[in-house]
Amino acid sequence: MSFQLVGFLLTYLLHTTHAAKNGSRAGLGITLVQYGFYMKGSGGVVSPPANGQDPQYAQSPDPDSHDFDPNQVNQAAQGGDGSGSSGGIGDIASSEWLAYALMIVGWFILIRAVSDFLKARRHEQLVLQSPDRGLPVPIIAAGEESETVV
């Protein structure tokens, strides 16, 4: 996993084109998004018991014998029963906050890198379309005539 960060540093520091620079930044953004997903997914993982049976699980004698009371469901949805968590923003652990922050920053870096690359490509097309190619003196290659220079 750390090789991705080393690869970003090498490609960003040694880039010679806009494509390499923005490609390395896009790779960093994708890496941060991956780290965020990895951190978010590893928070509540519980390993299964060795014998294959959960000691906290009690099998119902008859699965069809459940007595459904709609009033209890409505009270639980409104938070009137006082048991369990509220399901609000306070239930998010600090590691999940960090995971979400990494994902958001990663997406911003990725989007910025793609937009900067597209901007550089548009600028390149404008320079190539101008008769003097962005320089005060037109560039004429060997074998070209001044009338046919793009």
C-alpha atoms as a PDB file:
ATOM      1  CA  MET A   1       0.000   0.000   0.000  1.00  0.00           C
ATOM      2  CA  SER A   2       2.855   2.378   0.702  1.00  0.00           C
ATOM      3  CA  PHE A   3       4.244   1.763  -2.789  1.00  0.00           C
ATOM      4  CA  GLN A   4       1.401   3.869  -4.193  1.00  0.00           C
ATOM      5  CA  LEU A   5       2.577   6.904  -2.215  1.00  0.00           C
ATOM      6  CA  VAL A   6       6.198   6.314  -3.247  1.00  0.00           C
ATOM      7  CA  GLY A   7       5.070   5.968  -6.867  1.00  0.00           C
ATOM      8  CA  PHE A   8       3.174   9.252  -6.611  1.00  0.00           C
ATOM      9  CA  LEU A   9       6.214  11.072  -5.232  1.00  0.00           C
ATOM     10  CA  LEU A  10       8.511   9.694  -7.934  1.00  0.00           C
ATOM     11  CA  THR A  11       6.187  10.413 -10.838  1.00  0.00           C
ATOM     12  CA  TYR A  12       5.244  13.855  -9.553  1.00  0.00           C
ATOM     13  CA  LEU A  13       8.805  14.944  -8.901  1.00  0.00           C
ATOM     14  CA  LEU A  14      10.171  13.502 -12.154  1.00  0.00           C
ATOM     15  CA  HIS A  15       7.334  14.488 -14.498  1.00  0.00           C
ATOM     16  CA  THR A  16       8.165  16.115 -17.813  1.00  0.00           C
ATOM     17  CA  THR A  17       4.672  16.589 -19.261  1.00  0.00           C
ATOM     18  CA  HIS A  18       1.291  17.819 -18.115  1.00  0.00           C
ATOM     19  CA  ALA A  19      -0.063  14.308 -18.628  1.00  0.00           C
ATOM     20  CA  ALA A  20       2.495  12.819 -16.218  1.00  0.00           C
ATOM     21  CA  LYS A  21       1.944  15.516 -13.597  1.00  0.00           C
ATOM     22  CA  ASN A  22      -1.835  15.309 -13.687  1.00  0.00           C
ATOM     23  CA  GLY A  23      -1.747  11.521 -13.975  1.00  0.00           C
ATOM     24  CA  SER A  24       0.287  11.243 -10.802  1.00  0.00           C
ATOM     25  CA  ARG A  25      -2.085  13.629  -9.012  1.00  0.00           C
ATOM     26  CA  ALA A  26      -5.068  11.590 -10.211  1.00  0.00           C
ATOM     27  CA  GLY A  27      -3.343   8.463  -8.916  1.00  0.00           C
ATOM     28  CA  LEU A  28      -2.890  10.125  -5.527  1.00  0.00           C
ATOM     29  CA  GLY A  29      -6.589  10.976  -5.462  1.00  0.00           C
ATOM     30  CA  ILE A  30      -7.560   7.404  -6.283  1.00  0.00           C
ATOM     31  CA  THR A  31      -5.153   6.141  -3.612  1.00  0.00           C
ATOM     32  CA  LEU A  32      -6.744   8.373  -0.976  1.00  0.00           C
ATOM     33  CA  VAL A  33     -10.216   7.188  -1.968  1.00  0.00           C
ATOM     34  CA  GLN A  34      -9.006   3.572  -1.687  1.00  0.00           C
ATOM     35  CA  TYR A  35      -7.523   4.228   1.762  1.00  0.00           C
ATOM     36  CA  GLY A  36     -10.821   5.807   2.830  1.00  0.00           C
ATOM     37  CA  PHE A  37     -12.832   2.804   1.677  1.00  0.00           C
ATOM     38  CA  TYR A  38     -10.344   0.474   3.348  1.00  0.00           C
ATOM     39  CA  MET A  39     -10.573   2.352   6.658  1.00  0.00           C
ATOM     40  CA  LYS A  40     -14.356   2.552   6.528  1.00  0.00           C
ATOM     41  CA  GLY A  41     -14.767  -1.123   5.725  1.00  0.00           C
ATOM     42  CA  SER A  42     -12.444  -2.401   8.436  1.00  0.00           C
ATOM     43  CA  GLY A  43     -14.210  -0.713  11.365  1.00  0.00           C
ATOM     44  CA  GLY A  44     -16.877  -3.207  12.394  1.00  0.00           C
ATOM     45  CA  VAL A  45     -15.441  -6.508  11.203  1.00  0.00           C
ATOM     46  CA  VAL A  46     -16.133  -9.342  13.640  1.00  0.00           C
ATOM     47  CA  SER A  47     -14.402 -12.662  13.182  1.00  0.00           C
ATOM     48  CA  PRO A  48     -16.638 -15.742  13.221  1.00  0.00           C
ATOM     49  CA  PRO A  49     -16.335 -18.185  16.122  1.00  0.00           C
ATOM     50  CA  ALA A  50     -14.020 -21.154  15.673  1.00  0.00           C
ATOM     51  CA  ASN A  51     -16.745 -23.790  15.846  1.00  0.00           C
ATOM     52  CA  GLY A  52     -18.975 -21.983  13.337  1.00  0.00           C
ATOM     53  CA  GLN A  53     -21.721 -21.072  15.813  1.00  0.00           C
ATOM     54  CA  ASP A  54     -22.254 -17.677  17.389  1.00  0.00           C
ATOM     55  CA  PRO A  55     -22.738 -17.956  21.165  1.00  0.00           C
ATOM     56  CA  GLN A  56     -24.921 -14.827  21.224  1.00  0.00           C
ATOM     57  CA  TYR A  57     -27.350 -16.164  18.618  1.00  0.00           C
ATOM     58  CA  ALA A  58     -30.371 -18.044  19.902  1.00  0.00           C
ATOM     59  CA  GLN A  59     -32.429 -19.881  17.305  1.00  0.00           C
ATOM     60  CA  SER A  60     -36.155 -19.307  17.486  1.00  0.00           C
ATOM     61  CA  PRO A  61     -38.100 -22.504  18.034  1.00  0.00           C
ATOM     62  CA  ASP A  62     -40.503 -21.635  15.213  1.00  0.00           C
ATOM     63  CA  PRO A  63     -39.611 -18.860  12.726  1.00  0.00           C
ATOM     64  CA  ASP A  64     -43.292 -18.302  11.920  1.00  0.00           C
ATOM     65  CA  SER A  65     -44.256 -17.704  15.536  1.00  0.00           C
ATOM     66  CA  HIS A  66     -43.112 -14.070  15.596  1.00  0.00           C
ATOM     67  CA  ASP A  67     -45.749 -11.733  17.021  1.00  0.00           C
ATOM     68  CA  PHE A  68     -45.594  -8.446  15.089  1.00  0.00           C
ATOM     69  CA  ASP A  69     -46.817  -5.301  16.878  1.00  0.00           C
ATOM     70  CA  PRO A  70     -46.872  -2.186  14.619  1.00  0.00           C
ATOM     71  CA  ASN A  71     -46.992   0.137  17.659  1.00  0.00           C
ATOM     72  CA  GLN A  72     -43.577  -1.054  18.841  1.00  0.00           C
ATOM     73  CA  VAL A  73     -42.127  -0.396  15.383  1.00  0.00           C
ATOM     74  CA  ASN A  74     -43.480   3.173  15.368  1.00  0.00           C
ATOM     75  CA  GLN A  75     -42.130   3.849  18.876  1.00  0.00           C
ATOM     76  CA  ALA A  76     -38.700   2.536  17.919  1.00  0.00           C
ATOM     77  CA  ALA A  77     -38.642   4.702  14.792  1.00  0.00           C
ATOM     78  CA  GLN A  78     -39.450   7.789  16.849  1.00  0.00           C
ATOM     79  CA  GLY A  79     -36.874   6.943  19.504  1.00  0.00           C
ATOM     80  CA  GLY A  80     -39.515   6.522  22.204  1.00  0.00           C
ATOM     81  CA  ASP A  81     -38.318   3.177  23.492  1.00  0.00           C
ATOM     82  CA  GLY A  82     -34.978   4.516  24.752  1.00  0.00           C
ATOM     83  CA  SER A  83     -33.042   1.451  23.668  1.00  0.00           C
ATOM     84  CA  GLY A  84     -30.310   1.234  21.076  1.00  0.00           C
ATOM     85  CA  SER A  85     -28.672   4.093  19.258  1.00  0.00           C
ATOM     86  CA  SER A  86     -30.351   7.044  17.645  1.00  0.00           C
ATOM     87  CA  GLY A  87     -28.756   6.417  14.256  1.00  0.00           C
ATOM     88  CA  GLY A  88     -27.699  10.053  14.045  1.00  0.00           C
ATOM     89  CA  ILE A  89     -24.445  11.745  13.236  1.00  0.00           C
ATOM     90  CA  GLY A  90     -23.073  11.058  16.718  1.00  0.00           C
ATOM     91  CA  ASP A  91     -22.863   7.329  15.981  1.00  0.00           C
ATOM     92  CA  ILE A  92     -20.056   7.773  13.451  1.00  0.00           C
ATOM     93  CA  ALA A  93     -16.701   6.790  14.936  1.00  0.00           C
ATOM     94  CA  SER A  94     -13.651   9.009  14.595  1.00  0.00           C
ATOM     95  CA  SER A  95     -11.997   6.512  12.249  1.00  0.00           C
ATOM     96  CA  GLU A  96     -15.039   6.749   9.992  1.00  0.00           C
ATOM     97  CA  TRP A  97     -14.747  10.553   9.990  1.00  0.00           C
ATOM     98  CA  LEU A  98     -11.145  10.198   8.875  1.00  0.00           C
ATOM     99  CA  ALA A  99     -12.182   7.684   6.206  1.00  0.00           C
ATOM    100  CA  TYR A 100     -14.843  10.035   4.838  1.00  0.00           C
ATOM    101  CA  ALA A 101     -12.395  12.955   4.898  1.00  0.00           C
ATOM    102  CA  LEU A 102      -9.817  10.925   2.948  1.00  0.00           C
ATOM    103  CA  MET A 103     -12.439   9.968   0.376  1.00  0.00           C
ATOM    104  CA  ILE A 104     -13.611  13.557  -0.063  1.00  0.00           C
ATOM    105  CA  VAL A 105     -10.073  14.925  -0.387  1.00  0.00           C
ATOM    106  CA  GLY A 106      -9.221  12.122  -2.808  1.00  0.00           C
ATOM    107  CA  TRP A 107     -12.199  12.929  -5.029  1.00  0.00           C
ATOM    108  CA  PHE A 108     -11.305  16.625  -5.048  1.00  0.00           C
ATOM    109  CA  ILE A 109      -7.702  15.850  -6.039  1.00  0.00           C
ATOM    110  CA  LEU A 110      -8.878  13.459  -8.764  1.00  0.00           C
ATOM    111  CA  ILE A 111     -11.404  15.913 -10.222  1.00  0.00           C
ATOM    112  CA  ARG A 112      -8.885  18.764 -10.101  1.00  0.00           C
ATOM    113  CA  ALA A 113      -6.226  16.678 -11.854  1.00  0.00           C
ATOM    114  CA  VAL A 114      -8.603  15.697 -14.656  1.00  0.00           C
ATOM    115  CA  SER A 115      -9.817  19.273 -15.124  1.00  0.00           C
ATOM    116  CA  ASP A 116      -6.233  20.638 -15.168  1.00  0.00           C
ATOM    117  CA  PHE A 117      -5.262  18.036 -17.768  1.00  0.00           C
ATOM    118  CA  LEU A 118      -8.221  18.966 -19.963  1.00  0.00           C
ATOM    119  CA  LYS A 119      -7.348  22.641 -19.576  1.00  0.00           C
ATOM    120  CA  ALA A 120      -3.750  21.950 -20.661  1.00  0.00           C
ATOM    121  CA  ARG A 121      -4.994  19.987 -23.682  1.00  0.00           C
ATOM    122  CA  ARG A 122      -7.276  22.854 -24.741  1.00  0.00           C
ATOM    123  CA  HIS A 123      -4.407  25.301 -24.345  1.00  0.00           C
ATOM    124  CA  GLU A 124      -2.192  23.036 -26.451  1.00  0.00           C
ATOM    125  CA  GLN A 125      -4.810  22.951 -29.217  1.00  0.00           C
ATOM    126  CA  LEU A 126      -5.059  26.756 -29.168  1.00  0.00           C
ATOM    127  CA  VAL A 127      -1.290  27.112 -29.448  1.00  0.00           C
ATOM    128  CA  LEU A 128      -1.124  24.610 -32.306  1.00  0.00           C
ATOM    129  CA  GLN A 129      -3.898  26.430 -34.185  1.00  0.00           C
ATOM    130  CA  SER A 130      -2.185  29.809 -34.051  1.00  0.00           C
ATOM    131  CA  PRO A 131       0.011  30.602 -37.071  1.00  0.00           C
ATOM    132  CA  ASP A 132       3.076  31.466 -35.002  1.00  0.00           C
ATOM    133  CA  ARG A 133       2.489  28.609 -32.460  1.00  0.00           C
ATOM    134  CA  GLY A 134       2.550  30.982 -29.511  1.00  0.00           C
ATOM    135  CA  LEU A 135       5.914  32.512 -30.394  1.00  0.00           C
ATOM    136  CA  PRO A 136       6.571  35.982 -31.828  1.00  0.00           C
ATOM    137  CA  VAL A 137       8.422  34.392 -34.777  1.00  0.00           C
ATOM    138  CA  PRO A 138       6.763  31.606 -36.817  1.00  0.00           C
ATOM    139  CA  ILE A 139       8.523  28.243 -36.732  1.00  0.00           C
ATOM    140  CA  ILE A 140       9.210  26.878 -40.193  1.00  0.00           C
ATOM    141  CA  ALA A 141      10.674  23.402 -40.403  1.00  0.00           C
ATOM    142  CA  ALA A 142      13.081  22.306 -43.063  1.00  0.00           C
ATOM    143  CA  GLY A 143      11.188  21.624 -46.289  1.00  0.00           C
ATOM    144  CA  GLU A 144       8.150  23.748 -45.273  1.00  0.00           C
ATOM    145  CA  GLU A 145       7.036  26.881 -46.994  1.00  0.00           C
ATOM    146  CA  SER A 146       5.841  29.929 -45.097  1.00  0.00           C
ATOM    147  CA  GLU A 147       2.449  29.766 -46.836  1.00  0.00           C
ATOM    148  CA  THR A 148       1.735  26.221 -45.615  1.00  0.00           C
ATOM    149  CA  VAL A 149       2.867  26.657 -42.000  1.00  0.00           C
ATOM    150  CA  VAL A 150       0.094  25.812 -39.560  1.00  0.00           C
END
